[in-house]
N, C-alpha and C. Protein backbone atom coordinates (compact mmCIF):
# COMPACT_ATOMS: atom_id res chain seq x y z
N MET A 1 -21.39 7.71 -27.93
CA MET A 1 -22.67 7.08 -28.15
C MET A 1 -23.50 7.19 -26.88
N LYS A 2 -24.73 7.57 -27.05
CA LYS A 2 -25.63 7.68 -25.92
C LYS A 2 -26.11 6.29 -25.54
N THR A 3 -26.04 5.94 -24.24
CA THR A 3 -26.49 4.62 -23.84
C THR A 3 -27.98 4.65 -23.55
N GLN A 4 -28.66 3.62 -23.99
CA GLN A 4 -30.08 3.49 -23.70
C GLN A 4 -30.23 2.69 -22.43
N THR A 5 -31.32 2.90 -21.75
CA THR A 5 -31.48 2.20 -20.47
C THR A 5 -31.81 0.74 -20.67
N ASP A 6 -32.53 0.37 -21.72
CA ASP A 6 -32.92 -1.03 -21.91
C ASP A 6 -32.00 -1.66 -22.94
N SER A 7 -31.17 -2.60 -22.49
CA SER A 7 -30.19 -3.22 -23.38
C SER A 7 -30.87 -4.11 -24.42
N SER A 8 -32.09 -4.54 -24.19
CA SER A 8 -32.77 -5.42 -25.14
C SER A 8 -33.14 -4.68 -26.43
N LYS A 9 -33.13 -3.36 -26.41
CA LYS A 9 -33.44 -2.57 -27.61
C LYS A 9 -32.21 -2.39 -28.51
N LEU A 10 -31.06 -2.86 -28.04
CA LEU A 10 -29.82 -2.69 -28.80
C LEU A 10 -29.47 -3.99 -29.51
N THR A 11 -28.79 -3.84 -30.65
CA THR A 11 -28.24 -5.03 -31.31
C THR A 11 -27.01 -5.49 -30.52
N GLN A 12 -26.54 -6.69 -30.84
CA GLN A 12 -25.35 -7.18 -30.13
C GLN A 12 -24.14 -6.30 -30.41
N ASP A 13 -24.03 -5.79 -31.64
CA ASP A 13 -22.92 -4.88 -31.98
C ASP A 13 -23.00 -3.61 -31.14
N GLN A 14 -24.19 -3.03 -31.05
CA GLN A 14 -24.36 -1.79 -30.28
C GLN A 14 -24.09 -2.04 -28.79
N LEU A 15 -24.60 -3.14 -28.29
CA LEU A 15 -24.41 -3.46 -26.87
C LEU A 15 -22.93 -3.71 -26.57
N ALA A 16 -22.25 -4.42 -27.47
CA ALA A 16 -20.82 -4.68 -27.28
C ALA A 16 -20.04 -3.37 -27.24
N ARG A 17 -20.35 -2.45 -28.14
CA ARG A 17 -19.68 -1.14 -28.14
C ARG A 17 -19.97 -0.38 -26.85
N ALA A 18 -21.24 -0.43 -26.39
CA ALA A 18 -21.61 0.26 -25.16
C ALA A 18 -20.88 -0.31 -23.95
N LEU A 19 -20.57 -1.60 -24.00
CA LEU A 19 -19.87 -2.25 -22.90
C LEU A 19 -18.35 -2.19 -23.06
N GLY A 20 -17.90 -1.65 -24.19
CA GLY A 20 -16.46 -1.52 -24.42
C GLY A 20 -15.79 -2.84 -24.73
N THR A 21 -16.48 -3.71 -25.47
CA THR A 21 -15.92 -5.02 -25.78
C THR A 21 -16.27 -5.40 -27.21
N THR A 22 -15.94 -6.60 -27.61
CA THR A 22 -16.24 -7.07 -28.95
C THR A 22 -17.53 -7.89 -28.93
N THR A 23 -18.11 -8.09 -30.10
CA THR A 23 -19.32 -8.89 -30.21
C THR A 23 -19.03 -10.34 -29.79
N ARG A 24 -17.88 -10.82 -30.17
CA ARG A 24 -17.50 -12.19 -29.80
C ARG A 24 -17.45 -12.35 -28.28
N THR A 25 -16.83 -11.37 -27.62
CA THR A 25 -16.75 -11.41 -26.16
C THR A 25 -18.14 -11.32 -25.54
N LEU A 26 -18.98 -10.46 -26.10
CA LEU A 26 -20.35 -10.33 -25.59
C LEU A 26 -21.08 -11.67 -25.69
N ARG A 27 -20.90 -12.38 -26.81
CA ARG A 27 -21.55 -13.69 -26.95
C ARG A 27 -21.05 -14.67 -25.89
N GLU A 28 -19.77 -14.59 -25.54
CA GLU A 28 -19.23 -15.44 -24.47
C GLU A 28 -19.87 -15.08 -23.13
N TRP A 29 -20.04 -13.78 -22.89
CA TRP A 29 -20.65 -13.34 -21.64
C TRP A 29 -22.11 -13.78 -21.56
N LEU A 30 -22.80 -13.77 -22.70
CA LEU A 30 -24.22 -14.17 -22.72
C LEU A 30 -24.40 -15.64 -22.31
N LYS A 31 -23.37 -16.45 -22.49
CA LYS A 31 -23.43 -17.86 -22.12
C LYS A 31 -23.29 -18.06 -20.61
N ARG A 32 -22.83 -17.07 -19.91
CA ARG A 32 -22.62 -17.19 -18.47
C ARG A 32 -23.96 -17.25 -17.74
N ASP A 33 -24.00 -18.07 -16.71
CA ASP A 33 -25.23 -18.22 -15.92
C ASP A 33 -25.60 -16.93 -15.19
N ASP A 34 -24.60 -16.13 -14.84
CA ASP A 34 -24.88 -14.92 -14.07
C ASP A 34 -25.10 -13.67 -14.93
N PHE A 35 -25.17 -13.85 -16.26
CA PHE A 35 -25.39 -12.68 -17.13
C PHE A 35 -26.79 -12.12 -16.88
N PRO A 36 -26.89 -10.84 -16.56
CA PRO A 36 -28.20 -10.24 -16.26
C PRO A 36 -28.98 -9.90 -17.53
N VAL A 37 -29.72 -10.85 -18.04
CA VAL A 37 -30.50 -10.68 -19.27
C VAL A 37 -31.56 -9.60 -19.05
N GLY A 38 -31.67 -8.69 -20.03
CA GLY A 38 -32.69 -7.65 -19.99
C GLY A 38 -32.35 -6.48 -19.09
N ALA A 39 -31.15 -6.46 -18.51
CA ALA A 39 -30.75 -5.37 -17.63
C ALA A 39 -30.40 -4.13 -18.45
N SER A 40 -30.36 -3.00 -17.78
CA SER A 40 -29.97 -1.76 -18.45
C SER A 40 -28.47 -1.81 -18.76
N VAL A 41 -28.05 -0.94 -19.66
CA VAL A 41 -26.63 -0.89 -20.02
C VAL A 41 -25.80 -0.55 -18.79
N GLU A 42 -26.28 0.38 -17.97
CA GLU A 42 -25.55 0.76 -16.76
C GLU A 42 -25.40 -0.44 -15.82
N ASP A 43 -26.48 -1.25 -15.69
CA ASP A 43 -26.40 -2.44 -14.85
C ASP A 43 -25.44 -3.47 -15.43
N LEU A 44 -25.42 -3.58 -16.76
CA LEU A 44 -24.49 -4.51 -17.40
C LEU A 44 -23.04 -4.07 -17.20
N VAL A 45 -22.80 -2.78 -17.24
CA VAL A 45 -21.45 -2.26 -16.99
C VAL A 45 -21.04 -2.60 -15.55
N SER A 46 -21.96 -2.41 -14.61
CA SER A 46 -21.68 -2.74 -13.22
C SER A 46 -21.41 -4.24 -13.06
N TRP A 47 -22.20 -5.07 -13.73
CA TRP A 47 -22.02 -6.52 -13.67
C TRP A 47 -20.65 -6.90 -14.24
N ARG A 48 -20.32 -6.31 -15.41
CA ARG A 48 -19.03 -6.58 -16.06
C ARG A 48 -17.87 -6.24 -15.14
N ASP A 49 -17.94 -5.06 -14.51
CA ASP A 49 -16.85 -4.64 -13.62
C ASP A 49 -16.77 -5.52 -12.37
N ALA A 50 -17.93 -5.86 -11.81
CA ALA A 50 -17.95 -6.71 -10.61
C ALA A 50 -17.40 -8.10 -10.91
N ALA A 51 -17.66 -8.60 -12.12
CA ALA A 51 -17.18 -9.92 -12.51
C ALA A 51 -15.71 -9.88 -12.95
N GLY A 52 -15.15 -8.68 -13.05
CA GLY A 52 -13.76 -8.55 -13.46
C GLY A 52 -13.55 -8.77 -14.95
N LEU A 53 -14.62 -8.66 -15.72
CA LEU A 53 -14.52 -8.94 -17.15
C LEU A 53 -14.06 -7.75 -17.96
N GLY A 54 -14.27 -6.57 -17.47
CA GLY A 54 -13.89 -5.38 -18.22
C GLY A 54 -12.39 -5.21 -18.34
N LYS A 55 -11.63 -5.91 -17.52
CA LYS A 55 -10.18 -5.75 -17.52
C LYS A 55 -9.49 -6.72 -18.47
N ILE A 56 -10.21 -7.71 -18.93
CA ILE A 56 -9.64 -8.72 -19.81
C ILE A 56 -10.02 -8.38 -21.24
N LYS A 57 -9.06 -8.38 -22.13
CA LYS A 57 -9.32 -7.95 -23.50
C LYS A 57 -10.35 -8.82 -24.20
N ASP A 58 -10.21 -10.13 -24.12
CA ASP A 58 -11.12 -10.97 -24.87
C ASP A 58 -12.21 -11.61 -24.01
N GLY A 59 -12.13 -11.53 -22.69
CA GLY A 59 -13.16 -12.06 -21.81
C GLY A 59 -13.25 -13.57 -21.79
N SER A 60 -12.33 -14.24 -22.46
CA SER A 60 -12.37 -15.70 -22.53
C SER A 60 -11.72 -16.30 -21.29
N ILE A 61 -11.85 -17.59 -21.16
CA ILE A 61 -11.23 -18.28 -20.03
C ILE A 61 -9.70 -18.17 -20.11
N ASN A 62 -9.16 -18.16 -21.32
CA ASN A 62 -7.71 -17.99 -21.48
C ASN A 62 -7.26 -16.60 -21.03
N GLY A 63 -8.09 -15.61 -21.34
CA GLY A 63 -7.78 -14.26 -20.88
C GLY A 63 -7.82 -14.16 -19.37
N LEU A 64 -8.80 -14.81 -18.76
CA LEU A 64 -8.90 -14.82 -17.31
C LEU A 64 -7.71 -15.55 -16.68
N LYS A 65 -7.31 -16.66 -17.28
CA LYS A 65 -6.15 -17.39 -16.78
C LYS A 65 -4.88 -16.55 -16.88
N ALA A 66 -4.74 -15.83 -17.98
CA ALA A 66 -3.57 -14.98 -18.16
C ALA A 66 -3.54 -13.88 -17.09
N GLU A 67 -4.70 -13.29 -16.81
CA GLU A 67 -4.78 -12.25 -15.78
C GLU A 67 -4.43 -12.84 -14.42
N LEU A 68 -4.91 -14.03 -14.12
CA LEU A 68 -4.60 -14.70 -12.87
C LEU A 68 -3.11 -14.97 -12.75
N MET A 69 -2.49 -15.39 -13.84
CA MET A 69 -1.04 -15.64 -13.83
C MET A 69 -0.27 -14.35 -13.58
N ARG A 70 -0.71 -13.23 -14.20
CA ARG A 70 -0.04 -11.94 -13.99
C ARG A 70 -0.13 -11.53 -12.52
N ARG A 71 -1.29 -11.72 -11.92
CA ARG A 71 -1.46 -11.38 -10.51
C ARG A 71 -0.61 -12.28 -9.63
N ASP A 72 -0.53 -13.57 -9.97
CA ASP A 72 0.27 -14.51 -9.20
C ASP A 72 1.75 -14.13 -9.26
N ILE A 73 2.20 -13.71 -10.42
CA ILE A 73 3.60 -13.28 -10.58
C ILE A 73 3.86 -12.04 -9.75
N ALA A 74 2.93 -11.09 -9.77
CA ALA A 74 3.09 -9.87 -8.97
C ALA A 74 3.15 -10.20 -7.48
N LEU A 75 2.31 -11.13 -7.04
CA LEU A 75 2.31 -11.55 -5.64
C LEU A 75 3.64 -12.21 -5.27
N ARG A 76 4.15 -13.05 -6.13
CA ARG A 76 5.45 -13.70 -5.88
C ARG A 76 6.57 -12.66 -5.81
N ASP A 77 6.50 -11.64 -6.69
CA ASP A 77 7.51 -10.59 -6.65
C ASP A 77 7.48 -9.86 -5.30
N LEU A 78 6.27 -9.60 -4.79
CA LEU A 78 6.15 -8.94 -3.49
C LEU A 78 6.73 -9.81 -2.37
N LYS A 79 6.47 -11.11 -2.44
CA LYS A 79 7.02 -12.02 -1.43
C LYS A 79 8.54 -12.05 -1.49
N LEU A 80 9.10 -12.03 -2.70
CA LEU A 80 10.56 -12.00 -2.84
C LEU A 80 11.14 -10.72 -2.24
N GLN A 81 10.46 -9.61 -2.45
CA GLN A 81 10.93 -8.35 -1.87
C GLN A 81 10.93 -8.42 -0.35
N ARG A 82 9.90 -9.06 0.22
CA ARG A 82 9.85 -9.22 1.68
C ARG A 82 11.00 -10.09 2.15
N GLU A 83 11.28 -11.18 1.43
CA GLU A 83 12.37 -12.07 1.82
C GLU A 83 13.72 -11.38 1.74
N ARG A 84 13.86 -10.50 0.79
CA ARG A 84 15.12 -9.77 0.64
C ARG A 84 15.21 -8.58 1.60
N ALA A 85 14.19 -8.44 2.42
CA ALA A 85 14.11 -7.34 3.38
C ALA A 85 14.01 -5.99 2.68
N GLU A 86 13.40 -5.95 1.52
CA GLU A 86 13.18 -4.70 0.81
C GLU A 86 11.84 -4.07 1.20
N VAL A 87 11.01 -4.84 1.89
CA VAL A 87 9.69 -4.38 2.29
C VAL A 87 9.52 -4.69 3.78
N VAL A 88 8.95 -3.76 4.51
CA VAL A 88 8.69 -3.97 5.92
C VAL A 88 7.19 -3.79 6.14
N GLU A 89 6.62 -4.66 6.97
CA GLU A 89 5.20 -4.59 7.26
C GLU A 89 4.83 -3.22 7.83
N ARG A 90 3.70 -2.70 7.41
CA ARG A 90 3.23 -1.39 7.85
C ARG A 90 3.07 -1.35 9.37
N GLU A 91 2.53 -2.39 9.96
CA GLU A 91 2.31 -2.43 11.41
C GLU A 91 3.64 -2.40 12.16
N THR A 92 4.65 -3.05 11.60
CA THR A 92 5.99 -3.03 12.22
C THR A 92 6.54 -1.61 12.22
N VAL A 93 6.36 -0.91 11.12
CA VAL A 93 6.85 0.47 11.03
C VAL A 93 6.09 1.37 12.00
N ARG A 94 4.77 1.20 12.07
CA ARG A 94 3.98 2.01 13.01
C ARG A 94 4.44 1.80 14.45
N GLU A 95 4.65 0.54 14.82
CA GLU A 95 5.09 0.23 16.18
C GLU A 95 6.47 0.82 16.43
N MET A 96 7.36 0.73 15.44
CA MET A 96 8.69 1.29 15.59
C MET A 96 8.62 2.80 15.79
N LEU A 97 7.81 3.48 15.00
CA LEU A 97 7.70 4.94 15.12
C LEU A 97 7.07 5.35 16.45
N ARG A 98 6.08 4.58 16.91
CA ARG A 98 5.45 4.89 18.19
C ARG A 98 6.47 4.76 19.32
N LEU A 99 7.22 3.67 19.32
CA LEU A 99 8.22 3.44 20.36
C LEU A 99 9.36 4.45 20.27
N LEU A 100 9.78 4.75 19.06
CA LEU A 100 10.85 5.74 18.88
C LEU A 100 10.40 7.12 19.36
N GLY A 101 9.17 7.48 19.06
CA GLY A 101 8.62 8.76 19.53
C GLY A 101 8.60 8.84 21.04
N THR A 102 8.18 7.75 21.68
CA THR A 102 8.16 7.71 23.14
C THR A 102 9.56 7.84 23.71
N LYS A 103 10.51 7.11 23.14
CA LYS A 103 11.89 7.18 23.62
C LYS A 103 12.49 8.57 23.39
N LEU A 104 12.19 9.16 22.26
CA LEU A 104 12.72 10.50 21.97
C LEU A 104 12.15 11.52 22.94
N ASP A 105 10.87 11.41 23.24
CA ASP A 105 10.24 12.31 24.19
C ASP A 105 10.91 12.20 25.56
N LEU A 106 11.13 10.96 26.03
CA LEU A 106 11.78 10.75 27.32
C LEU A 106 13.22 11.28 27.31
N LEU A 107 13.92 11.03 26.21
CA LEU A 107 15.30 11.48 26.10
C LEU A 107 15.39 13.01 26.11
N LEU A 108 14.51 13.66 25.39
CA LEU A 108 14.52 15.13 25.36
C LEU A 108 14.20 15.71 26.74
N ARG A 109 13.22 15.10 27.39
CA ARG A 109 12.89 15.56 28.75
C ARG A 109 14.09 15.40 29.68
N LEU A 110 14.75 14.26 29.61
CA LEU A 110 15.91 14.02 30.47
C LEU A 110 17.01 15.04 30.19
N LYS A 111 17.35 15.20 28.92
CA LYS A 111 18.47 16.07 28.57
C LYS A 111 18.16 17.55 28.80
N LEU A 112 16.94 17.97 28.47
CA LEU A 112 16.64 19.40 28.55
C LEU A 112 16.12 19.83 29.91
N GLU A 113 15.30 19.00 30.55
CA GLU A 113 14.73 19.41 31.83
C GLU A 113 15.62 19.06 33.01
N VAL A 114 16.36 17.96 32.91
CA VAL A 114 17.16 17.51 34.06
C VAL A 114 18.63 17.89 33.91
N GLU A 115 19.23 17.60 32.76
CA GLU A 115 20.67 17.78 32.62
C GLU A 115 21.10 19.18 32.17
N LEU A 116 20.28 19.84 31.39
CA LEU A 116 20.71 21.12 30.81
C LEU A 116 21.06 22.15 31.87
N GLY A 117 20.22 22.32 32.86
CA GLY A 117 20.47 23.34 33.90
C GLY A 117 21.83 23.19 34.55
N PRO A 118 22.09 22.02 35.17
CA PRO A 118 23.40 21.86 35.83
C PRO A 118 24.58 21.95 34.86
N ARG A 119 24.39 21.53 33.63
CA ARG A 119 25.52 21.53 32.68
C ARG A 119 25.89 22.94 32.23
N VAL A 120 24.94 23.88 32.24
CA VAL A 120 25.24 25.24 31.78
C VAL A 120 25.33 26.24 32.92
N ALA A 121 25.12 25.79 34.14
CA ALA A 121 25.15 26.71 35.29
C ALA A 121 26.52 27.38 35.40
N GLY A 122 26.49 28.70 35.46
CA GLY A 122 27.72 29.47 35.63
C GLY A 122 28.57 29.58 34.38
N LYS A 123 28.08 29.17 33.25
CA LYS A 123 28.87 29.23 32.02
C LYS A 123 28.41 30.40 31.17
N SER A 124 29.29 30.85 30.30
CA SER A 124 28.94 31.93 29.37
C SER A 124 28.02 31.39 28.28
N ALA A 125 27.48 32.28 27.49
CA ALA A 125 26.59 31.88 26.40
C ALA A 125 27.32 30.98 25.41
N ALA A 126 28.57 31.29 25.12
CA ALA A 126 29.35 30.47 24.17
C ALA A 126 29.57 29.08 24.74
N GLU A 127 29.87 28.99 26.03
CA GLU A 127 30.07 27.69 26.67
C GLU A 127 28.74 26.91 26.74
N SER A 128 27.65 27.62 26.95
CA SER A 128 26.31 26.99 26.98
C SER A 128 25.97 26.43 25.61
N ASN A 129 26.36 27.15 24.55
CA ASN A 129 26.12 26.65 23.19
C ASN A 129 26.90 25.36 22.93
N VAL A 130 28.12 25.30 23.44
CA VAL A 130 28.94 24.09 23.29
C VAL A 130 28.27 22.93 24.02
N GLU A 131 27.78 23.17 25.24
CA GLU A 131 27.07 22.14 26.00
C GLU A 131 25.80 21.70 25.25
N GLY A 132 25.11 22.65 24.66
CA GLY A 132 23.90 22.33 23.87
C GLY A 132 24.25 21.44 22.68
N ALA A 133 25.36 21.72 22.02
CA ALA A 133 25.80 20.91 20.89
C ALA A 133 26.16 19.51 21.35
N LEU A 134 26.80 19.39 22.53
CA LEU A 134 27.14 18.07 23.07
C LEU A 134 25.87 17.27 23.39
N ILE A 135 24.88 17.94 23.97
CA ILE A 135 23.60 17.28 24.26
C ILE A 135 22.94 16.82 22.97
N LEU A 136 22.97 17.65 21.95
CA LEU A 136 22.40 17.29 20.65
C LEU A 136 23.10 16.07 20.06
N ASP A 137 24.42 16.03 20.15
CA ASP A 137 25.18 14.87 19.67
C ASP A 137 24.78 13.60 20.42
N GLU A 138 24.60 13.72 21.75
CA GLU A 138 24.18 12.57 22.55
C GLU A 138 22.80 12.06 22.11
N ILE A 139 21.90 13.01 21.86
CA ILE A 139 20.54 12.65 21.41
C ILE A 139 20.60 11.97 20.05
N ARG A 140 21.38 12.52 19.12
CA ARG A 140 21.53 11.92 17.78
C ARG A 140 22.07 10.50 17.87
N GLU A 141 23.07 10.30 18.73
CA GLU A 141 23.68 8.98 18.89
C GLU A 141 22.64 7.96 19.37
N VAL A 142 21.84 8.35 20.34
CA VAL A 142 20.82 7.45 20.88
C VAL A 142 19.76 7.16 19.81
N VAL A 143 19.30 8.20 19.10
CA VAL A 143 18.27 8.02 18.07
C VAL A 143 18.79 7.14 16.94
N ASN A 144 19.99 7.40 16.46
CA ASN A 144 20.55 6.60 15.37
C ASN A 144 20.75 5.14 15.79
N GLY A 145 21.18 4.93 17.03
CA GLY A 145 21.33 3.57 17.54
C GLY A 145 19.99 2.84 17.59
N ASN A 146 18.94 3.56 18.02
CA ASN A 146 17.61 2.95 18.07
C ASN A 146 17.07 2.65 16.68
N ILE A 147 17.30 3.54 15.73
CA ILE A 147 16.84 3.31 14.36
C ILE A 147 17.53 2.09 13.78
N ALA A 148 18.84 1.96 14.00
CA ALA A 148 19.57 0.80 13.49
C ALA A 148 19.04 -0.49 14.12
N ARG A 149 18.75 -0.45 15.41
CA ARG A 149 18.22 -1.63 16.09
C ARG A 149 16.81 -1.96 15.57
N PHE A 150 15.99 -0.93 15.38
CA PHE A 150 14.64 -1.15 14.87
C PHE A 150 14.67 -1.74 13.46
N GLU A 151 15.60 -1.26 12.64
CA GLU A 151 15.72 -1.78 11.28
C GLU A 151 16.04 -3.28 11.31
N ALA A 152 16.98 -3.66 12.15
CA ALA A 152 17.34 -5.07 12.27
C ALA A 152 16.15 -5.87 12.82
N ASP A 153 15.46 -5.34 13.82
CA ASP A 153 14.29 -6.02 14.39
C ASP A 153 13.17 -6.16 13.37
N ALA A 154 12.97 -5.12 12.56
CA ALA A 154 11.90 -5.15 11.55
C ALA A 154 12.17 -6.23 10.51
N ILE A 155 13.43 -6.36 10.12
CA ILE A 155 13.79 -7.38 9.13
C ILE A 155 13.55 -8.76 9.73
N LYS A 156 13.98 -8.96 10.98
CA LYS A 156 13.76 -10.25 11.64
C LYS A 156 12.27 -10.56 11.75
N ALA A 157 11.46 -9.56 12.14
CA ALA A 157 10.02 -9.77 12.30
C ALA A 157 9.36 -10.09 10.97
N THR A 158 9.77 -9.43 9.90
CA THR A 158 9.19 -9.67 8.58
C THR A 158 9.52 -11.06 8.10
N VAL A 159 10.75 -11.49 8.27
CA VAL A 159 11.16 -12.83 7.84
C VAL A 159 10.47 -13.89 8.69
N ALA A 160 10.33 -13.62 10.00
CA ALA A 160 9.71 -14.59 10.89
C ALA A 160 8.22 -14.79 10.58
N GLU A 161 7.55 -13.75 10.07
CA GLU A 161 6.12 -13.84 9.74
C GLU A 161 5.86 -14.81 8.61
N GLU A 162 6.84 -15.00 7.77
CA GLU A 162 6.65 -15.89 6.63
C GLU A 162 6.90 -17.29 7.08
């Protein structure tokens, strides 16, 4: 259906269809103090969406209460997930990654720029590869230890925020 710009030229049935609702719901909306009388259909659609009415099937106060209850339940579910340590705050994760990146950079510099030379000096390529594998294992051990500590810290921080 083509929408007309002036909603006053439409019947209530036509206007309700243009707004994607029922005539009964439209009559409820007309009772609202903030209903934009005489506005274009496009403006009415914007008003409906801004008021959150387009998401409720019947637009009644009971429908609005039901939607509020659904949102409240979803919020409680999110809080329970945080309490169970199933969710970690985004800022906590960002800080953890920033710190881990800094530590990894320092560790790589230490192992590769400072320790690698003396550890492989005078050794064959095969022996140097073994030393490289040992350095890699040391780096993995430090990184895994830091990740485990960060995970425990993140859980503590999330629980403490509540």
